[in-house]
C-alpha atoms as a PDB file:
ATOM      1  CA  UNK A   1      48.421 127.857 115.205  1.00  0.00           C
ATOM      2  CA  UNK A   2      51.280 129.906 113.836  1.00  0.00           C
ATOM      3  CA  UNK A   3      49.419 133.181 113.375  1.00  0.00           C
ATOM      4  CA  UNK A   4      48.196 133.394 116.948  1.00  0.00           C
ATOM      5  CA  UNK A   5      50.844 131.645 119.024  1.00  0.00           C
ATOM      6  CA  UNK A   6      54.282 131.632 117.498  1.00  0.00           C
ATOM      7  CA  UNK A   7      54.580 134.611 115.153  1.00  0.00           C
ATOM      8  CA  UNK A   8      55.388 137.275 117.819  1.00  0.00           C
ATOM      9  CA  UNK A   9      58.066 135.044 119.331  1.00  0.00           C
ATOM     10  CA  UNK A  10      59.487 134.212 115.889  1.00  0.00           C
ATOM     11  CA  UNK A  11      59.657 137.880 114.838  1.00  0.00           C
ATOM     12  CA  UNK A  12      61.407 138.790 118.097  1.00  0.00           C
ATOM     13  CA  UNK A  13      63.839 135.884 117.627  1.00  0.00           C
ATOM     14  CA  UNK A  14      64.559 137.003 114.061  1.00  0.00           C
ATOM     15  CA  UNK A  15      65.301 140.561 115.257  1.00  0.00           C
ATOM     16  CA  UNK A  16      67.822 139.225 117.767  1.00  0.00           C
ATOM     17  CA  UNK A  17      69.426 137.073 115.059  1.00  0.00           C
ATOM     18  CA  UNK A  18      69.694 140.075 112.721  1.00  0.00           C
ATOM     19  CA  UNK A  19      71.305 142.100 115.529  1.00  0.00           C
ATOM     20  CA  UNK A  20      73.856 139.317 116.150  1.00  0.00           C
ATOM     21  CA  UNK A  21      74.382 138.768 112.384  1.00  0.00           C
ATOM     22  CA  UNK A  22      73.349 135.119 112.667  1.00  0.00           C
ATOM     23  CA  UNK A  23      70.989 135.162 109.706  1.00  0.00           C
ATOM     24  CA  UNK A  24      70.743 136.677 106.253  1.00  0.00           C
ATOM     25  CA  UNK A  25      66.949 136.964 106.195  1.00  0.00           C
ATOM     26  CA  UNK A  26      64.236 139.172 107.658  1.00  0.00           C
ATOM     27  CA  UNK A  27      60.465 139.158 108.190  1.00  0.00           C
ATOM     28  CA  UNK A  28      58.335 141.009 105.647  1.00  0.00           C
ATOM     29  CA  UNK A  29      55.097 142.119 107.277  1.00  0.00           C
ATOM     30  CA  UNK A  30      53.252 142.827 104.015  1.00  0.00           C
ATOM     31  CA  UNK A  31      53.703 139.362 102.508  1.00  0.00           C
ATOM     32  CA  UNK A  32      54.046 137.633 105.907  1.00  0.00           C
ATOM     33  CA  UNK A  33      57.033 135.695 104.588  1.00  0.00           C
ATOM     34  CA  UNK A  34      60.725 135.437 105.315  1.00  0.00           C
ATOM     35  CA  UNK A  35      62.690 137.270 102.657  1.00  0.00           C
ATOM     36  CA  UNK A  36      66.423 137.667 102.012  1.00  0.00           C
ATOM     37  CA  UNK A  37      68.058 140.585 103.756  1.00  0.00           C
ATOM     38  CA  UNK A  38      70.488 142.906 102.027  1.00  0.00           C
ATOM     39  CA  UNK A  39      73.910 141.487 102.723  1.00  0.00           C
ATOM     40  CA  UNK A  40      77.429 142.581 102.070  1.00  0.00           C
ATOM     41  CA  UNK A  41      80.404 140.453 101.151  1.00  0.00           C
ATOM     42  CA  UNK A  42      81.652 140.893 104.708  1.00  0.00           C
ATOM     43  CA  UNK A  43      78.333 139.592 106.112  1.00  0.00           C
ATOM     44  CA  UNK A  44      78.446 136.526 103.877  1.00  0.00           C
ATOM     45  CA  UNK A  45      82.080 135.939 104.826  1.00  0.00           C
ATOM     46  CA  UNK A  46      81.066 136.138 108.503  1.00  0.00           C
ATOM     47  CA  UNK A  47      78.342 133.506 107.945  1.00  0.00           C
ATOM     48  CA  UNK A  48      80.789 131.212 106.174  1.00  0.00           C
ATOM     49  CA  UNK A  49      83.370 131.629 108.939  1.00  0.00           C
ATOM     50  CA  UNK A  50      80.745 130.637 111.538  1.00  0.00           C
ATOM     51  CA  UNK A  51      80.032 127.433 109.624  1.00  0.00           C
ATOM     52  CA  UNK A  52      83.693 126.562 109.130  1.00  0.00           C
ATOM     53  CA  UNK A  53      84.556 127.266 112.768  1.00  0.00           C
ATOM     54  CA  UNK A  54      81.759 124.926 113.903  1.00  0.00           C
ATOM     55  CA  UNK A  55      83.105 122.126 111.713  1.00  0.00           C
ATOM     56  CA  UNK A  56      86.688 122.723 112.907  1.00  0.00           C
ATOM     57  CA  UNK A  57      85.483 122.614 116.525  1.00  0.00           C
ATOM     58  CA  UNK A  58      83.647 119.328 115.872  1.00  0.00           C
ATOM     59  CA  UNK A  59      86.790 117.846 114.293  1.00  0.00           C
ATOM     60  CA  UNK A  60      88.819 118.969 117.313  1.00  0.00           C
ATOM     61  CA  UNK A  61      86.412 117.334 119.734  1.00  0.00           C
ATOM     62  CA  UNK A  62      86.435 114.156 117.628  1.00  0.00           C
ATOM     63  CA  UNK A  63      90.228 114.053 117.823  1.00  0.00           C
ATOM     64  CA  UNK A  64      90.119 114.690 121.570  1.00  0.00           C
ATOM     65  CA  UNK A  65      87.673 111.813 122.058  1.00  0.00           C
ATOM     66  CA  UNK A  66      89.514 109.376 119.795  1.00  0.00           C
ATOM     67  CA  UNK A  67      93.136 110.238 120.654  1.00  0.00           C
ATOM     68  CA  UNK A  68      92.816 111.704 124.138  1.00  0.00           C
ATOM     69  CA  UNK A  69      93.828 109.977 127.351  1.00  0.00           C
ATOM     70  CA  UNK A  70      90.453 110.424 129.021  1.00  0.00           C
ATOM     71  CA  UNK A  71      88.582 107.711 130.881  1.00  0.00           C
ATOM     72  CA  UNK A  72      85.792 105.767 129.192  1.00  0.00           C
ATOM     73  CA  UNK A  73      83.152 107.720 131.142  1.00  0.00           C
ATOM     74  CA  UNK A  74      84.619 111.058 130.016  1.00  0.00           C
ATOM     75  CA  UNK A  75      84.782 109.843 126.415  1.00  0.00           C
ATOM     76  CA  UNK A  76      81.119 108.786 126.558  1.00  0.00           C
ATOM     77  CA  UNK A  77      80.173 112.232 127.825  1.00  0.00           C
ATOM     78  CA  UNK A  78      82.199 113.722 124.986  1.00  0.00           C
ATOM     79  CA  UNK A  79      80.406 111.569 122.414  1.00  0.00           C
ATOM     80  CA  UNK A  80      77.012 112.789 123.639  1.00  0.00           C
ATOM     81  CA  UNK A  81      78.171 116.402 123.440  1.00  0.00           C
ATOM     82  CA  UNK A  82      79.698 115.787 119.998  1.00  0.00           C
ATOM     83  CA  UNK A  83      76.431 114.311 118.674  1.00  0.00           C
ATOM     84  CA  UNK A  84      74.482 117.330 119.952  1.00  0.00           C
ATOM     85  CA  UNK A  85      77.012 119.638 118.296  1.00  0.00           C
ATOM     86  CA  UNK A  86      76.843 117.788 114.975  1.00  0.00           C
ATOM     87  CA  UNK A  87      73.030 117.894 115.001  1.00  0.00           C
ATOM     88  CA  UNK A  88      73.129 121.662 115.599  1.00  0.00           C
ATOM     89  CA  UNK A  89      75.675 122.172 112.815  1.00  0.00           C
ATOM     90  CA  UNK A  90      73.664 120.077 110.358  1.00  0.00           C
ATOM     91  CA  UNK A  91      70.431 121.885 111.223  1.00  0.00           C
ATOM     92  CA  UNK A  92      72.096 125.208 110.486  1.00  0.00           C
ATOM     93  CA  UNK A  93      74.232 124.150 107.557  1.00  0.00           C
ATOM     94  CA  UNK A  94      73.792 126.008 104.307  1.00  0.00           C
ATOM     95  CA  UNK A  95      76.364 127.844 102.274  1.00  0.00           C
ATOM     96  CA  UNK A  96      75.110 131.447 102.217  1.00  0.00           C
ATOM     97  CA  UNK A  97      74.627 133.154  98.866  1.00  0.00           C
ATOM     98  CA  UNK A  98      73.652 136.746  98.295  1.00  0.00           C
ATOM     99  CA  UNK A  99      69.916 137.207  97.779  1.00  0.00           C
ATOM    100  CA  UNK A 100      68.988 133.560  98.357  1.00  0.00           C
ATOM    101  CA  UNK A 101      67.108 132.031 101.270  1.00  0.00           C
ATOM    102  CA  UNK A 102      68.365 128.974 103.070  1.00  0.00           C
ATOM    103  CA  UNK A 103      66.423 125.718 102.969  1.00  0.00           C
ATOM    104  CA  UNK A 104      65.021 126.082 106.532  1.00  0.00           C
ATOM    105  CA  UNK A 105      63.638 129.523 105.637  1.00  0.00           C
ATOM    106  CA  UNK A 106      62.083 128.140 102.453  1.00  0.00           C
ATOM    107  CA  UNK A 107      60.477 125.352 104.459  1.00  0.00           C
ATOM    108  CA  UNK A 108      59.046 127.864 106.948  1.00  0.00           C
ATOM    109  CA  UNK A 109      57.671 129.963 104.077  1.00  0.00           C
ATOM    110  CA  UNK A 110      55.938 126.855 102.702  1.00  0.00           C
ATOM    111  CA  UNK A 111      54.362 126.236 106.101  1.00  0.00           C
ATOM    112  CA  UNK A 112      53.217 129.872 106.274  1.00  0.00           C
ATOM    113  CA  UNK A 113      51.612 129.643 102.824  1.00  0.00           C
ATOM    114  CA  UNK A 114      49.922 126.355 103.724  1.00  0.00           C
ATOM    115  CA  UNK A 115      48.450 127.875 106.866  1.00  0.00           C
ATOM    116  CA  UNK A 116      47.174 130.877 104.907  1.00  0.00           C
ATOM    117  CA  UNK A 117      45.374 128.491 102.542  1.00  0.00           C
ATOM    118  CA  UNK A 118      43.854 126.639 105.487  1.00  0.00           C
ATOM    119  CA  UNK A 119      42.676 129.824 107.187  1.00  0.00           C
ATOM    120  CA  UNK A 120      41.299 131.364 104.008  1.00  0.00           C
ATOM    121  CA  UNK A 121      39.549 128.160 102.976  1.00  0.00           C
ATOM    122  CA  UNK A 122      38.158 126.999 106.300  1.00  0.00           C
ATOM    123  CA  UNK A 123      38.259 130.011 108.592  1.00  0.00           C
ATOM    124  CA  UNK A 124      40.018 130.382 111.891  1.00  0.00           C
END
């Protein structure tokens, strides 16, 4: 379950993401929830630029695949890479706002609350 297996790894991962400025949230040990982190306008601008650069890169690869003079095998490899890139962009996509959690963080918080209810109601 989450509380025994994945929480230490998740907290470590979140610390690395905060260090690299990849996320605008942090772990609150008292409520055991993900909460919004204090962010500046520059931090939000950095998040938005990461999203836009990913989309621009995907458009560039799409143009390379569709208009490039590569062989069919190379284009097929490019399509596979492009699909992986689009899936990663969509999984991360949210337009950051100050003091608001993204949808993936809200979903994780719902899972954490559900597990607390299970543990408190039925034991470990």
